[in-house]
Amino acid sequence: MIRRLPPESAFKTALRDAMSDGELKEASQTADPSTGQWSKTEMLLAELIDAVRYLRYTTLRLQAGKKAGKAPDPVPRPGVKPKVAKKRQLSAAQRELLFRRIQGAYIEGEVLGEEAQPAVVRRQVPNTPDS
């Protein structure tokens, strides 16, 4: 029950005040802030920081285009793991087909798990008067 008290509660403040300098130093070195509980104020502050960062990024993107870089990552919050992009894994058969295709081999049938379709080439032909 005590663990669920907000960090700014009177009880947790009294506990911190009662700790010696050595205990505070040891606690600060071994503590993992990503596992701690955040108060509503800290959560709102993180939301505000995220909003300001995204507005800044949007403004830069409008003015500089793609030179603005990628969108900012949100402030890490306790209990929320960062998003990691999953890389597509090819099977051994798909890797073999891809390798043969890169080497210039013509492959009929299925290519990388999808049925092969003929490529459609569309290009504009300039209008020229008939001579």
N, C-alpha and C. Protein backbone atom coordinates (compact mmCIF):
# COMPACT_ATOMS: atom_id res chain seq x y z
N MET A 1 0.82 -1.18 0.00
CA MET A 1 0.00 0.00 0.00
C MET A 1 0.88 1.27 0.00
N ILE A 2 1.96 1.21 0.75
CA ILE A 2 2.86 2.37 0.84
C ILE A 2 3.56 2.61 -0.49
N ARG A 3 3.87 1.54 -1.22
CA ARG A 3 4.55 1.68 -2.51
C ARG A 3 3.71 2.47 -3.51
N ARG A 4 2.41 2.44 -3.36
CA ARG A 4 1.54 3.12 -4.32
C ARG A 4 1.32 4.59 -4.00
N LEU A 5 1.87 5.05 -2.91
CA LEU A 5 1.76 6.47 -2.59
C LEU A 5 2.56 7.28 -3.60
N PRO A 6 2.10 8.47 -3.95
CA PRO A 6 2.89 9.30 -4.87
C PRO A 6 4.20 9.72 -4.22
N PRO A 7 5.23 9.96 -5.04
CA PRO A 7 6.54 10.31 -4.48
C PRO A 7 6.53 11.59 -3.65
N GLU A 8 5.58 12.48 -3.91
CA GLU A 8 5.55 13.74 -3.15
C GLU A 8 4.69 13.64 -1.89
N SER A 9 4.20 12.43 -1.55
CA SER A 9 3.36 12.28 -0.36
C SER A 9 4.16 12.58 0.91
N ALA A 10 3.45 12.94 1.96
CA ALA A 10 4.10 13.28 3.23
C ALA A 10 4.87 12.09 3.79
N PHE A 11 4.33 10.88 3.65
CA PHE A 11 4.99 9.69 4.19
C PHE A 11 6.33 9.43 3.48
N LYS A 12 6.31 9.45 2.15
CA LYS A 12 7.56 9.19 1.41
C LYS A 12 8.57 10.32 1.61
N THR A 13 8.10 11.53 1.76
CA THR A 13 9.00 12.64 2.05
C THR A 13 9.66 12.45 3.40
N ALA A 14 8.88 12.02 4.40
CA ALA A 14 9.44 11.76 5.73
C ALA A 14 10.46 10.63 5.68
N LEU A 15 10.21 9.59 4.88
CA LEU A 15 11.18 8.49 4.73
C LEU A 15 12.49 9.00 4.13
N ARG A 16 12.39 9.82 3.09
CA ARG A 16 13.60 10.37 2.47
C ARG A 16 14.36 11.27 3.44
N ASP A 17 13.62 12.07 4.20
CA ASP A 17 14.27 12.98 5.16
C ASP A 17 14.99 12.21 6.26
N ALA A 18 14.50 11.01 6.58
CA ALA A 18 15.11 10.22 7.65
C ALA A 18 16.34 9.44 7.19
N MET A 19 16.58 9.38 5.88
CA MET A 19 17.73 8.62 5.36
C MET A 19 19.02 9.40 5.55
N SER A 20 20.10 8.66 5.81
CA SER A 20 21.42 9.30 5.94
C SER A 20 21.95 9.65 4.55
N ASP A 21 23.02 10.45 4.51
CA ASP A 21 23.62 10.83 3.23
C ASP A 21 24.11 9.61 2.47
N GLY A 22 24.69 8.64 3.16
CA GLY A 22 25.18 7.41 2.53
C GLY A 22 24.05 6.60 1.92
N GLU A 23 22.93 6.50 2.66
CA GLU A 23 21.77 5.76 2.15
C GLU A 23 21.18 6.45 0.92
N LEU A 24 21.12 7.78 0.97
CA LEU A 24 20.59 8.52 -0.19
C LEU A 24 21.48 8.32 -1.42
N LYS A 25 22.81 8.35 -1.20
CA LYS A 25 23.74 8.18 -2.32
C LYS A 25 23.60 6.78 -2.91
N GLU A 26 23.53 5.77 -2.04
CA GLU A 26 23.38 4.38 -2.52
C GLU A 26 22.05 4.20 -3.26
N ALA A 27 20.97 4.76 -2.71
CA ALA A 27 19.66 4.64 -3.34
C ALA A 27 19.63 5.32 -4.70
N SER A 28 20.32 6.48 -4.81
CA SER A 28 20.31 7.18 -6.09
C SER A 28 21.13 6.46 -7.15
N GLN A 29 22.15 5.70 -6.74
CA GLN A 29 22.99 4.98 -7.70
C GLN A 29 22.34 3.69 -8.17
N THR A 30 21.54 3.05 -7.32
CA THR A 30 20.93 1.77 -7.67
C THR A 30 19.50 1.92 -8.18
N ALA A 31 18.93 3.10 -8.08
CA ALA A 31 17.53 3.30 -8.48
C ALA A 31 17.39 3.28 -9.99
N ASP A 32 16.28 2.76 -10.45
CA ASP A 32 15.94 2.76 -11.87
C ASP A 32 14.69 3.61 -12.05
N PRO A 33 14.83 4.85 -12.52
CA PRO A 33 13.67 5.74 -12.61
C PRO A 33 12.59 5.23 -13.55
N SER A 34 12.96 4.36 -14.50
CA SER A 34 11.94 3.88 -15.45
C SER A 34 10.95 2.93 -14.79
N THR A 35 11.28 2.40 -13.62
CA THR A 35 10.36 1.49 -12.95
C THR A 35 9.57 2.18 -11.85
N GLY A 36 9.89 3.43 -11.57
CA GLY A 36 9.20 4.16 -10.50
C GLY A 36 7.84 4.64 -10.93
N GLN A 37 7.04 4.97 -9.93
CA GLN A 37 5.70 5.48 -10.20
C GLN A 37 5.77 6.98 -10.44
N TRP A 38 5.03 7.46 -11.41
CA TRP A 38 4.98 8.89 -11.69
C TRP A 38 3.70 9.46 -11.11
N SER A 39 3.79 10.69 -10.67
CA SER A 39 2.59 11.39 -10.21
C SER A 39 1.85 11.93 -11.43
N LYS A 40 0.64 12.41 -11.19
CA LYS A 40 -0.14 12.99 -12.29
C LYS A 40 0.58 14.21 -12.88
N THR A 41 1.24 14.97 -12.01
CA THR A 41 1.98 16.15 -12.48
C THR A 41 3.08 15.75 -13.44
N GLU A 42 3.82 14.70 -13.11
CA GLU A 42 4.91 14.24 -13.98
C GLU A 42 4.37 13.71 -15.30
N MET A 43 3.25 13.01 -15.27
CA MET A 43 2.65 12.50 -16.51
C MET A 43 2.18 13.67 -17.39
N LEU A 44 1.56 14.67 -16.79
CA LEU A 44 1.12 15.83 -17.56
C LEU A 44 2.31 16.60 -18.13
N LEU A 45 3.39 16.69 -17.36
CA LEU A 45 4.58 17.37 -17.84
C LEU A 45 5.18 16.62 -19.03
N ALA A 46 5.21 15.29 -18.96
CA ALA A 46 5.72 14.50 -20.08
C ALA A 46 4.86 14.69 -21.32
N GLU A 47 3.53 14.74 -21.14
CA GLU A 47 2.62 14.99 -22.26
C GLU A 47 2.89 16.37 -22.87
N LEU A 48 3.11 17.35 -22.03
CA LEU A 48 3.40 18.70 -22.50
C LEU A 48 4.71 18.75 -23.28
N ILE A 49 5.74 18.09 -22.77
CA ILE A 49 7.03 18.04 -23.47
C ILE A 49 6.87 17.37 -24.83
N ASP A 50 6.12 16.26 -24.86
CA ASP A 50 5.89 15.57 -26.14
C ASP A 50 5.17 16.47 -27.13
N ALA A 51 4.16 17.20 -26.65
CA ALA A 51 3.39 18.09 -27.53
C ALA A 51 4.27 19.20 -28.09
N VAL A 52 5.09 19.81 -27.24
CA VAL A 52 5.97 20.89 -27.70
C VAL A 52 6.99 20.36 -28.70
N ARG A 53 7.57 19.20 -28.42
CA ARG A 53 8.54 18.61 -29.35
C ARG A 53 7.90 18.33 -30.70
N TYR A 54 6.67 17.79 -30.68
CA TYR A 54 6.01 17.44 -31.94
C TYR A 54 5.63 18.71 -32.71
N LEU A 55 5.16 19.76 -32.01
CA LEU A 55 4.84 21.01 -32.69
C LEU A 55 6.09 21.64 -33.31
N ARG A 56 7.20 21.56 -32.59
CA ARG A 56 8.47 22.08 -33.13
C ARG A 56 8.87 21.29 -34.38
N TYR A 57 8.74 19.96 -34.29
CA TYR A 57 9.08 19.12 -35.44
C TYR A 57 8.17 19.44 -36.62
N THR A 58 6.88 19.61 -36.37
CA THR A 58 5.93 19.92 -37.45
C THR A 58 6.28 21.24 -38.11
N THR A 59 6.63 22.24 -37.31
CA THR A 59 7.02 23.54 -37.86
C THR A 59 8.27 23.42 -38.71
N LEU A 60 9.27 22.68 -38.20
CA LEU A 60 10.50 22.47 -38.98
C LEU A 60 10.21 21.71 -40.26
N ARG A 61 9.33 20.74 -40.17
CA ARG A 61 9.00 19.92 -41.34
C ARG A 61 8.33 20.76 -42.42
N LEU A 62 7.45 21.69 -42.00
CA LEU A 62 6.79 22.56 -42.96
C LEU A 62 7.77 23.51 -43.63
N GLN A 63 8.77 23.97 -42.88
CA GLN A 63 9.72 24.94 -43.42
C GLN A 63 10.88 24.27 -44.16
N ALA A 64 11.37 23.15 -43.65
CA ALA A 64 12.57 22.54 -44.21
C ALA A 64 12.31 21.26 -44.98
N GLY A 65 11.10 20.75 -44.95
CA GLY A 65 10.79 19.52 -45.66
C GLY A 65 11.43 18.32 -44.99
N LYS A 66 11.96 17.42 -45.80
CA LYS A 66 12.54 16.19 -45.27
C LYS A 66 13.83 16.41 -44.50
N LYS A 67 14.42 17.59 -44.65
CA LYS A 67 15.65 17.90 -43.93
C LYS A 67 15.42 17.99 -42.43
N ALA A 68 14.17 18.07 -42.01
CA ALA A 68 13.85 18.20 -40.59
C ALA A 68 14.15 16.93 -39.82
N GLY A 69 14.34 15.81 -40.51
CA GLY A 69 14.65 14.55 -39.83
C GLY A 69 13.39 13.80 -39.44
N LYS A 70 13.59 12.85 -38.52
CA LYS A 70 12.46 12.02 -38.11
C LYS A 70 11.74 12.67 -36.94
N ALA A 71 10.52 12.22 -36.71
CA ALA A 71 9.71 12.77 -35.62
C ALA A 71 10.37 12.44 -34.28
N PRO A 72 10.21 13.31 -33.29
CA PRO A 72 10.84 13.07 -32.00
C PRO A 72 10.22 11.89 -31.27
N ASP A 73 11.04 11.19 -30.49
CA ASP A 73 10.54 10.10 -29.67
C ASP A 73 9.86 10.68 -28.44
N PRO A 74 8.81 10.03 -27.94
CA PRO A 74 8.16 10.53 -26.74
C PRO A 74 9.06 10.35 -25.51
N VAL A 75 8.80 11.12 -24.48
CA VAL A 75 9.53 11.00 -23.22
C VAL A 75 9.27 9.60 -22.67
N PRO A 76 10.32 8.86 -22.30
CA PRO A 76 10.09 7.51 -21.74
C PRO A 76 9.27 7.59 -20.46
N ARG A 77 8.31 6.70 -20.35
CA ARG A 77 7.45 6.65 -19.17
C ARG A 77 7.64 5.31 -18.47
N PRO A 78 7.47 5.29 -17.15
CA PRO A 78 7.66 4.03 -16.43
C PRO A 78 6.61 3.01 -16.84
N GLY A 79 7.07 1.79 -17.05
CA GLY A 79 6.17 0.70 -17.41
C GLY A 79 5.81 0.64 -18.88
N VAL A 80 6.31 1.56 -19.69
CA VAL A 80 6.01 1.58 -21.13
C VAL A 80 7.30 1.33 -21.88
N LYS A 81 7.35 0.21 -22.59
CA LYS A 81 8.56 -0.12 -23.34
C LYS A 81 8.58 0.67 -24.65
N PRO A 82 9.77 1.11 -25.07
CA PRO A 82 9.84 1.86 -26.34
C PRO A 82 9.47 0.97 -27.52
N LYS A 83 8.90 1.59 -28.53
CA LYS A 83 8.52 0.84 -29.73
C LYS A 83 9.77 0.50 -30.52
N VAL A 84 9.85 -0.76 -30.94
CA VAL A 84 10.98 -1.22 -31.73
C VAL A 84 10.42 -1.75 -33.05
N ALA A 85 10.96 -1.24 -34.15
CA ALA A 85 10.50 -1.69 -35.46
C ALA A 85 10.91 -3.14 -35.68
N LYS A 86 9.94 -3.95 -36.09
CA LYS A 86 10.23 -5.35 -36.36
C LYS A 86 10.81 -5.48 -37.76
N LYS A 87 11.89 -6.23 -37.86
CA LYS A 87 12.48 -6.47 -39.16
C LYS A 87 11.85 -7.74 -39.73
N ARG A 88 11.54 -7.68 -41.01
CA ARG A 88 10.94 -8.83 -41.67
C ARG A 88 11.99 -9.90 -41.87
N GLN A 89 11.69 -11.10 -41.45
CA GLN A 89 12.61 -12.22 -41.60
C GLN A 89 12.16 -13.07 -42.79
N LEU A 90 13.08 -13.33 -43.68
CA LEU A 90 12.78 -14.19 -44.84
C LEU A 90 13.10 -15.63 -44.48
N SER A 91 12.30 -16.54 -45.01
CA SER A 91 12.59 -17.96 -44.81
C SER A 91 13.77 -18.35 -45.69
N ALA A 92 14.30 -19.55 -45.48
CA ALA A 92 15.44 -20.00 -46.27
C ALA A 92 15.07 -20.07 -47.76
N ALA A 93 13.86 -20.54 -48.07
CA ALA A 93 13.42 -20.62 -49.46
C ALA A 93 13.30 -19.23 -50.08
N GLN A 94 12.77 -18.28 -49.31
CA GLN A 94 12.64 -16.91 -49.81
C GLN A 94 14.01 -16.28 -50.03
N ARG A 95 14.96 -16.53 -49.13
CA ARG A 95 16.31 -15.99 -49.30
C ARG A 95 16.95 -16.56 -50.56
N GLU A 96 16.77 -17.86 -50.81
CA GLU A 96 17.34 -18.50 -52.00
C GLU A 96 16.75 -17.90 -53.28
N LEU A 97 15.41 -17.72 -53.31
CA LEU A 97 14.77 -17.12 -54.48
C LEU A 97 15.27 -15.69 -54.70
N LEU A 98 15.38 -14.93 -53.60
CA LEU A 98 15.85 -13.55 -53.71
C LEU A 98 17.28 -13.50 -54.22
N PHE A 99 18.13 -14.38 -53.72
CA PHE A 99 19.53 -14.41 -54.16
C PHE A 99 19.61 -14.75 -55.65
N ARG A 100 18.82 -15.74 -56.09
CA ARG A 100 18.83 -16.11 -57.52
C ARG A 100 18.31 -14.95 -58.37
N ARG A 101 17.30 -14.24 -57.87
CA ARG A 101 16.73 -13.12 -58.62
C ARG A 101 17.76 -12.00 -58.76
N ILE A 102 18.51 -11.74 -57.66
CA ILE A 102 19.54 -10.71 -57.70
C ILE A 102 20.62 -11.07 -58.69
N GLN A 103 20.91 -12.36 -58.80
CA GLN A 103 21.95 -12.83 -59.73
C GLN A 103 21.48 -12.82 -61.18
N GLY A 104 20.20 -12.48 -61.40
CA GLY A 104 19.71 -12.34 -62.77
C GLY A 104 18.92 -13.54 -63.27
N ALA A 105 18.66 -14.53 -62.44
CA ALA A 105 17.92 -15.71 -62.88
C ALA A 105 16.45 -15.35 -63.05
N TYR A 106 15.83 -15.95 -64.08
CA TYR A 106 14.39 -15.77 -64.29
C TYR A 106 13.68 -16.80 -63.43
N ILE A 107 12.72 -16.37 -62.65
CA ILE A 107 12.02 -17.26 -61.73
C ILE A 107 10.54 -17.23 -62.08
N GLU A 108 10.00 -18.40 -62.37
CA GLU A 108 8.57 -18.51 -62.66
C GLU A 108 7.83 -18.91 -61.39
N GLY A 109 6.54 -18.65 -61.36
CA GLY A 109 5.74 -19.08 -60.22
C GLY A 109 5.83 -18.10 -59.07
N GLU A 110 5.96 -18.65 -57.88
CA GLU A 110 5.96 -17.80 -56.69
C GLU A 110 7.32 -17.17 -56.45
N VAL A 111 7.28 -15.90 -56.13
CA VAL A 111 8.49 -15.17 -55.80
C VAL A 111 8.28 -14.56 -54.42
N LEU A 112 9.08 -14.96 -53.47
CA LEU A 112 9.02 -14.45 -52.10
C LEU A 112 7.61 -14.56 -51.52
N GLY A 113 6.95 -15.69 -51.79
CA GLY A 113 5.67 -15.96 -51.17
C GLY A 113 4.48 -15.37 -51.90
N GLU A 114 4.68 -14.63 -52.96
CA GLU A 114 3.58 -14.06 -53.72
C GLU A 114 3.70 -14.53 -55.17
N GLU A 115 2.57 -14.69 -55.79
CA GLU A 115 2.59 -15.14 -57.17
C GLU A 115 3.19 -14.05 -58.05
N ALA A 116 4.08 -14.45 -58.94
CA ALA A 116 4.77 -13.49 -59.81
C ALA A 116 3.78 -12.84 -60.76
N GLN A 117 3.88 -11.55 -60.91
CA GLN A 117 3.05 -10.80 -61.83
C GLN A 117 3.96 -10.08 -62.82
N PRO A 118 3.56 -10.02 -64.07
CA PRO A 118 4.39 -9.27 -65.01
C PRO A 118 4.39 -7.80 -64.65
N ALA A 119 5.51 -7.18 -64.83
CA ALA A 119 5.64 -5.77 -64.50
C ALA A 119 4.89 -4.92 -65.51
N VAL A 120 4.29 -3.88 -65.07
CA VAL A 120 3.58 -2.95 -65.93
C VAL A 120 4.44 -1.70 -66.00
N VAL A 121 4.87 -1.36 -67.21
CA VAL A 121 5.69 -0.18 -67.40
C VAL A 121 4.83 0.88 -68.04
N ARG A 122 4.76 2.02 -67.37
CA ARG A 122 3.97 3.11 -67.91
C ARG A 122 4.88 4.31 -68.05
N ARG A 123 4.95 4.84 -69.24
CA ARG A 123 5.73 6.05 -69.43
C ARG A 123 4.98 6.94 -70.40
N GLN A 124 5.20 8.20 -70.23
CA GLN A 124 4.52 9.15 -71.09
C GLN A 124 5.26 9.26 -72.41
N VAL A 125 4.49 9.24 -73.45
CA VAL A 125 5.06 9.43 -74.78
C VAL A 125 4.75 10.86 -75.18
N PRO A 126 5.78 11.61 -75.53
CA PRO A 126 5.52 13.01 -75.88
C PRO A 126 4.64 13.11 -77.12
N ASN A 127 3.76 14.08 -77.13
CA ASN A 127 2.90 14.31 -78.29
C ASN A 127 3.72 14.92 -79.40
N THR A 128 3.79 14.19 -80.50
CA THR A 128 4.53 14.70 -81.66
C THR A 128 3.56 14.77 -82.83
N PRO A 129 3.61 15.82 -83.60
CA PRO A 129 2.73 15.92 -84.76
C PRO A 129 3.10 14.88 -85.81
N ASP A 130 2.10 14.30 -86.43
CA ASP A 130 2.36 13.31 -87.48
C ASP A 130 3.00 14.00 -88.67
N SER A 131 4.06 13.42 -89.15
CA SER A 131 4.74 14.02 -90.29
C SER A 131 4.44 13.28 -91.55
